[in-house]
């Protein structure tokens, strides 16, 4: 078990999402129409982006900070965040968590108690 953990850490890719700029960079990779040309790292970044977004959205929804309808899928949520970032480059230096929260709460505000 210890060997497996060591191998995983040694092979860990430098991926992070902290700002809007990080999201934009990952979206550019994710939107590459030639998926077969992506490197292993680029493929990993696409998966990381989707997993990151899913985790943030699930947390916001569970905490009651947004109210996303059951018929809305992750591709739609992804498109909303990406569209906002493309239209508002001044947000790129903000925290990715703040961006996702603000954008989604404007589109799908929390239910009032």
N, C-alpha and C. Protein backbone atom coordinates (compact mmCIF):
# COMPACT_ATOMS: atom_id res chain seq x y z
N UNK A 1 0.82 -1.19 0.00
CA UNK A 1 0.00 0.00 0.00
C UNK A 1 0.87 1.26 0.00
N UNK A 2 1.92 1.25 0.80
CA UNK A 2 2.82 2.40 0.89
C UNK A 2 3.50 2.64 -0.46
N UNK A 3 3.86 1.57 -1.16
CA UNK A 3 4.52 1.71 -2.45
C UNK A 3 3.58 2.36 -3.46
N UNK A 4 2.32 1.93 -3.46
CA UNK A 4 1.33 2.50 -4.38
C UNK A 4 1.17 3.99 -4.12
N UNK A 5 1.07 4.38 -2.86
CA UNK A 5 0.93 5.80 -2.52
C UNK A 5 2.15 6.58 -2.99
N UNK A 6 3.33 6.02 -2.82
CA UNK A 6 4.56 6.69 -3.26
C UNK A 6 4.58 6.87 -4.77
N UNK A 7 4.16 5.85 -5.50
CA UNK A 7 4.14 5.93 -6.95
C UNK A 7 3.13 6.98 -7.39
N UNK A 8 1.97 7.01 -6.75
CA UNK A 8 0.94 7.99 -7.11
C UNK A 8 1.44 9.41 -6.87
N UNK A 9 2.09 9.66 -5.76
CA UNK A 9 2.60 11.00 -5.45
C UNK A 9 3.72 11.36 -6.42
N UNK A 10 4.59 10.42 -6.72
CA UNK A 10 5.71 10.69 -7.63
C UNK A 10 5.21 11.02 -9.03
N UNK A 11 4.08 10.46 -9.42
CA UNK A 11 3.55 10.69 -10.76
C UNK A 11 2.44 11.74 -10.79
N UNK A 12 2.22 12.42 -9.68
CA UNK A 12 1.15 13.42 -9.63
C UNK A 12 1.43 14.54 -10.63
N UNK A 13 0.40 14.91 -11.36
CA UNK A 13 0.54 15.97 -12.36
C UNK A 13 0.30 17.32 -11.71
N UNK A 14 0.97 18.36 -12.23
CA UNK A 14 0.80 19.70 -11.65
C UNK A 14 -0.51 20.33 -12.12
N UNK A 15 -1.60 19.96 -11.50
CA UNK A 15 -2.89 20.53 -11.85
C UNK A 15 -3.44 21.28 -10.66
N UNK A 16 -4.06 22.40 -10.95
CA UNK A 16 -4.68 23.20 -9.89
C UNK A 16 -5.71 24.10 -10.53
N UNK A 17 -6.69 24.44 -9.76
CA UNK A 17 -7.66 25.45 -10.18
C UNK A 17 -7.86 26.36 -8.98
N UNK A 18 -7.34 27.57 -9.09
CA UNK A 18 -7.46 28.54 -8.01
C UNK A 18 -8.11 29.83 -8.45
N UNK A 19 -7.97 30.18 -9.72
CA UNK A 19 -8.48 31.46 -10.21
C UNK A 19 -9.29 31.26 -11.49
N UNK A 20 -9.92 32.33 -11.91
CA UNK A 20 -10.63 32.31 -13.18
C UNK A 20 -9.68 32.02 -14.34
N UNK A 21 -8.46 32.50 -14.25
CA UNK A 21 -7.47 32.22 -15.30
C UNK A 21 -7.20 30.73 -15.43
N UNK A 22 -7.16 30.03 -14.30
CA UNK A 22 -6.98 28.58 -14.33
C UNK A 22 -8.17 27.92 -15.02
N UNK A 23 -9.38 28.37 -14.69
CA UNK A 23 -10.57 27.82 -15.34
C UNK A 23 -10.53 28.05 -16.85
N UNK A 24 -10.17 29.26 -17.26
CA UNK A 24 -10.11 29.59 -18.68
C UNK A 24 -9.09 28.70 -19.39
N UNK A 25 -7.93 28.51 -18.79
CA UNK A 25 -6.90 27.66 -19.40
C UNK A 25 -7.40 26.23 -19.56
N UNK A 26 -8.09 25.73 -18.57
CA UNK A 26 -8.61 24.36 -18.63
C UNK A 26 -9.73 24.26 -19.65
N UNK A 27 -10.58 25.30 -19.74
CA UNK A 27 -11.65 25.29 -20.74
C UNK A 27 -11.07 25.25 -22.16
N UNK A 28 -9.97 25.96 -22.38
CA UNK A 28 -9.34 25.95 -23.71
C UNK A 28 -8.91 24.53 -24.08
N UNK A 29 -8.34 23.82 -23.14
CA UNK A 29 -7.94 22.43 -23.39
C UNK A 29 -9.18 21.58 -23.60
N UNK A 30 -10.18 21.76 -22.75
CA UNK A 30 -11.40 20.96 -22.80
C UNK A 30 -12.16 21.14 -24.12
N UNK A 31 -12.01 22.30 -24.74
CA UNK A 31 -12.74 22.60 -25.97
C UNK A 31 -11.98 22.21 -27.24
N UNK A 32 -10.84 21.56 -27.08
CA UNK A 32 -10.06 21.13 -28.24
C UNK A 32 -10.88 20.10 -29.03
N UNK A 33 -11.22 20.40 -30.27
CA UNK A 33 -12.04 19.46 -31.05
C UNK A 33 -11.32 18.15 -31.40
N UNK A 34 -9.99 18.18 -31.37
CA UNK A 34 -9.22 16.99 -31.70
C UNK A 34 -8.78 16.30 -30.41
N UNK A 35 -9.71 15.60 -29.78
CA UNK A 35 -9.43 14.95 -28.49
C UNK A 35 -8.29 13.95 -28.57
N UNK A 36 -8.10 13.34 -29.73
CA UNK A 36 -7.05 12.33 -29.86
C UNK A 36 -5.65 12.95 -29.79
N UNK A 37 -5.56 14.26 -30.00
CA UNK A 37 -4.24 14.91 -29.99
C UNK A 37 -3.84 15.39 -28.59
N UNK A 38 -4.73 15.25 -27.61
CA UNK A 38 -4.41 15.72 -26.26
C UNK A 38 -3.35 14.84 -25.61
N UNK A 39 -2.45 15.47 -24.90
CA UNK A 39 -1.45 14.71 -24.14
C UNK A 39 -2.14 14.09 -22.92
N UNK A 40 -1.43 13.22 -22.25
CA UNK A 40 -1.98 12.62 -21.03
C UNK A 40 -2.28 13.71 -19.99
N UNK A 41 -1.38 14.68 -19.88
CA UNK A 41 -1.59 15.76 -18.91
C UNK A 41 -2.81 16.60 -19.28
N UNK A 42 -2.98 16.88 -20.56
CA UNK A 42 -4.15 17.66 -20.99
C UNK A 42 -5.45 16.89 -20.74
N UNK A 43 -5.43 15.61 -20.99
CA UNK A 43 -6.60 14.78 -20.71
C UNK A 43 -6.90 14.80 -19.22
N UNK A 44 -5.87 14.68 -18.40
CA UNK A 44 -6.02 14.72 -16.95
C UNK A 44 -6.62 16.07 -16.53
N UNK A 45 -6.17 17.15 -17.13
CA UNK A 45 -6.68 18.47 -16.79
C UNK A 45 -8.16 18.60 -17.13
N UNK A 46 -8.59 18.02 -18.25
CA UNK A 46 -10.02 18.04 -18.62
C UNK A 46 -10.84 17.31 -17.56
N UNK A 47 -10.37 16.15 -17.14
CA UNK A 47 -11.09 15.38 -16.12
C UNK A 47 -11.08 16.12 -14.78
N UNK A 48 -9.95 16.73 -14.47
CA UNK A 48 -9.83 17.47 -13.21
C UNK A 48 -10.80 18.64 -13.20
N UNK A 49 -10.92 19.36 -14.32
CA UNK A 49 -11.84 20.48 -14.42
C UNK A 49 -13.27 20.03 -14.14
N UNK A 50 -13.69 18.96 -14.79
CA UNK A 50 -15.05 18.48 -14.61
C UNK A 50 -15.29 18.00 -13.18
N UNK A 51 -14.32 17.31 -12.61
CA UNK A 51 -14.45 16.85 -11.23
C UNK A 51 -14.47 18.01 -10.24
N UNK A 52 -13.62 18.99 -10.47
CA UNK A 52 -13.58 20.18 -9.62
C UNK A 52 -14.92 20.91 -9.65
N UNK A 53 -15.42 21.14 -10.85
CA UNK A 53 -16.69 21.84 -11.00
C UNK A 53 -17.82 21.06 -10.35
N UNK A 54 -17.83 19.76 -10.55
CA UNK A 54 -18.87 18.92 -9.94
C UNK A 54 -18.81 19.02 -8.42
N UNK A 55 -17.62 18.98 -7.85
CA UNK A 55 -17.48 19.08 -6.39
C UNK A 55 -17.96 20.41 -5.85
N UNK A 56 -17.60 21.50 -6.51
CA UNK A 56 -18.03 22.83 -6.07
C UNK A 56 -19.55 22.97 -6.19
N UNK A 57 -20.10 22.54 -7.31
CA UNK A 57 -21.54 22.65 -7.55
C UNK A 57 -22.32 21.82 -6.54
N UNK A 58 -21.87 20.61 -6.31
CA UNK A 58 -22.55 19.74 -5.35
C UNK A 58 -22.53 20.36 -3.95
N UNK A 59 -21.41 20.91 -3.57
CA UNK A 59 -21.28 21.55 -2.25
C UNK A 59 -22.20 22.76 -2.15
N UNK A 60 -22.20 23.62 -3.17
CA UNK A 60 -23.06 24.81 -3.15
C UNK A 60 -24.54 24.43 -3.10
N UNK A 61 -24.90 23.42 -3.87
CA UNK A 61 -26.30 22.98 -3.89
C UNK A 61 -26.70 22.38 -2.55
N UNK A 62 -25.86 21.52 -2.00
CA UNK A 62 -26.14 20.88 -0.71
C UNK A 62 -26.23 21.91 0.41
N UNK A 63 -25.40 22.94 0.35
CA UNK A 63 -25.39 23.99 1.38
C UNK A 63 -26.52 24.99 1.20
N UNK A 64 -27.29 24.85 0.12
CA UNK A 64 -28.41 25.76 -0.11
C UNK A 64 -28.00 27.11 -0.68
N UNK A 65 -26.79 27.20 -1.22
CA UNK A 65 -26.30 28.46 -1.79
C UNK A 65 -26.78 28.67 -3.21
N UNK A 66 -27.18 27.58 -3.87
CA UNK A 66 -27.78 27.63 -5.20
C UNK A 66 -28.90 26.59 -5.21
N UNK A 67 -29.79 26.73 -6.17
CA UNK A 67 -30.87 25.76 -6.31
C UNK A 67 -30.94 25.32 -7.77
N UNK A 68 -30.14 24.35 -8.08
CA UNK A 68 -30.03 23.88 -9.46
C UNK A 68 -31.11 22.82 -9.71
N UNK A 69 -31.96 23.05 -10.70
CA UNK A 69 -33.01 22.07 -11.00
C UNK A 69 -32.44 20.70 -11.36
N UNK A 70 -33.20 19.68 -11.07
CA UNK A 70 -32.75 18.30 -11.30
C UNK A 70 -32.50 18.01 -12.78
N UNK A 71 -33.16 18.74 -13.67
CA UNK A 71 -32.99 18.46 -15.10
C UNK A 71 -31.80 19.21 -15.73
N UNK A 72 -31.05 19.94 -14.93
CA UNK A 72 -29.86 20.64 -15.42
C UNK A 72 -28.66 19.71 -15.25
N UNK A 73 -27.90 19.52 -16.33
CA UNK A 73 -26.75 18.61 -16.25
C UNK A 73 -25.44 19.39 -16.14
N UNK A 74 -24.36 18.66 -15.91
CA UNK A 74 -23.06 19.30 -15.72
C UNK A 74 -22.57 20.02 -16.97
N UNK A 75 -22.94 19.54 -18.15
CA UNK A 75 -22.53 20.23 -19.38
C UNK A 75 -23.16 21.62 -19.43
N UNK A 76 -24.40 21.74 -18.98
CA UNK A 76 -25.07 23.04 -18.96
C UNK A 76 -24.43 23.97 -17.92
N UNK A 77 -24.13 23.43 -16.76
CA UNK A 77 -23.48 24.21 -15.70
C UNK A 77 -22.11 24.67 -16.19
N UNK A 78 -21.37 23.76 -16.79
CA UNK A 78 -20.06 24.06 -17.35
C UNK A 78 -20.16 25.20 -18.35
N UNK A 79 -21.15 25.14 -19.23
CA UNK A 79 -21.34 26.17 -20.26
C UNK A 79 -21.65 27.53 -19.65
N UNK A 80 -22.43 27.56 -18.58
CA UNK A 80 -22.78 28.82 -17.93
C UNK A 80 -21.53 29.49 -17.36
N UNK A 81 -20.71 28.71 -16.67
CA UNK A 81 -19.49 29.26 -16.07
C UNK A 81 -18.52 29.72 -17.15
N UNK A 82 -18.35 28.90 -18.17
CA UNK A 82 -17.43 29.26 -19.26
C UNK A 82 -17.91 30.51 -19.99
N UNK A 83 -19.19 30.60 -20.26
CA UNK A 83 -19.75 31.77 -20.96
C UNK A 83 -19.50 33.04 -20.15
N UNK A 84 -19.69 32.97 -18.84
CA UNK A 84 -19.46 34.13 -17.98
C UNK A 84 -17.99 34.56 -18.03
N UNK A 85 -17.10 33.59 -17.95
CA UNK A 85 -15.67 33.92 -17.97
C UNK A 85 -15.25 34.52 -19.30
N UNK A 86 -15.77 33.99 -20.40
CA UNK A 86 -15.43 34.53 -21.72
C UNK A 86 -15.93 35.97 -21.88
N UNK A 87 -17.08 36.27 -21.29
CA UNK A 87 -17.66 37.60 -21.40
C UNK A 87 -17.09 38.60 -20.39
N UNK A 88 -16.42 38.10 -19.36
CA UNK A 88 -15.94 38.97 -18.28
C UNK A 88 -14.49 38.67 -17.91
N UNK A 89 -13.54 39.00 -18.76
CA UNK A 89 -12.14 38.70 -18.45
C UNK A 89 -11.62 39.41 -17.19
N UNK A 90 -12.29 40.45 -16.77
CA UNK A 90 -11.88 41.13 -15.53
C UNK A 90 -12.07 40.23 -14.30
N UNK A 91 -12.80 39.15 -14.45
CA UNK A 91 -13.01 38.20 -13.35
C UNK A 91 -11.91 37.14 -13.28
N UNK A 92 -11.04 37.09 -14.25
CA UNK A 92 -10.07 36.01 -14.33
C UNK A 92 -9.12 35.94 -13.15
N UNK A 93 -8.89 37.04 -12.46
CA UNK A 93 -7.99 37.02 -11.31
C UNK A 93 -8.70 36.72 -10.00
N UNK A 94 -9.99 36.54 -10.06
CA UNK A 94 -10.76 36.21 -8.84
C UNK A 94 -10.66 34.71 -8.54
N UNK A 95 -11.02 34.39 -7.32
CA UNK A 95 -11.04 32.99 -6.90
C UNK A 95 -12.03 32.19 -7.74
N UNK A 96 -11.61 31.02 -8.17
CA UNK A 96 -12.50 30.16 -8.95
C UNK A 96 -13.75 29.79 -8.16
N UNK A 97 -13.60 29.58 -6.87
CA UNK A 97 -14.76 29.25 -6.03
C UNK A 97 -15.76 30.40 -6.00
N UNK A 98 -15.27 31.61 -5.86
CA UNK A 98 -16.13 32.78 -5.83
C UNK A 98 -16.84 32.95 -7.18
N UNK A 99 -16.10 32.78 -8.25
CA UNK A 99 -16.69 32.92 -9.59
C UNK A 99 -17.84 31.93 -9.77
N UNK A 100 -17.58 30.68 -9.49
CA UNK A 100 -18.60 29.65 -9.67
C UNK A 100 -19.81 29.94 -8.78
N UNK A 101 -19.57 30.31 -7.53
CA UNK A 101 -20.67 30.62 -6.62
C UNK A 101 -21.52 31.79 -7.11
N UNK A 102 -20.88 32.89 -7.47
CA UNK A 102 -21.60 34.08 -7.91
C UNK A 102 -22.39 33.79 -9.19
N UNK A 103 -21.74 33.18 -10.15
CA UNK A 103 -22.38 32.91 -11.44
C UNK A 103 -23.59 31.99 -11.26
N UNK A 104 -23.39 30.89 -10.56
CA UNK A 104 -24.49 29.94 -10.41
C UNK A 104 -25.61 30.47 -9.54
N UNK A 105 -25.29 31.28 -8.54
CA UNK A 105 -26.36 31.83 -7.69
C UNK A 105 -27.16 32.89 -8.43
N UNK A 106 -26.58 33.50 -9.46
CA UNK A 106 -27.35 34.44 -10.28
C UNK A 106 -28.29 33.70 -11.23
N UNK A 107 -27.82 32.59 -11.76
CA UNK A 107 -28.63 31.81 -12.71
C UNK A 107 -29.65 30.94 -11.97
N UNK A 108 -29.22 30.30 -10.90
CA UNK A 108 -30.09 29.44 -10.10
C UNK A 108 -30.00 29.87 -8.64
N UNK A 109 -30.69 30.95 -8.28
CA UNK A 109 -30.60 31.46 -6.90
C UNK A 109 -31.10 30.43 -5.89
N UNK A 110 -30.63 30.58 -4.64
CA UNK A 110 -31.09 29.63 -3.61
C UNK A 110 -32.59 29.82 -3.36
N UNK A 111 -33.20 28.73 -2.93
CA UNK A 111 -34.63 28.81 -2.57
C UNK A 111 -34.77 29.61 -1.30
N UNK A 112 -35.83 30.41 -1.26
CA UNK A 112 -36.08 31.17 -0.04
C UNK A 112 -36.76 30.28 0.98
N UNK A 113 -36.33 30.40 2.25
CA UNK A 113 -36.90 29.52 3.29
C UNK A 113 -38.37 29.79 3.56
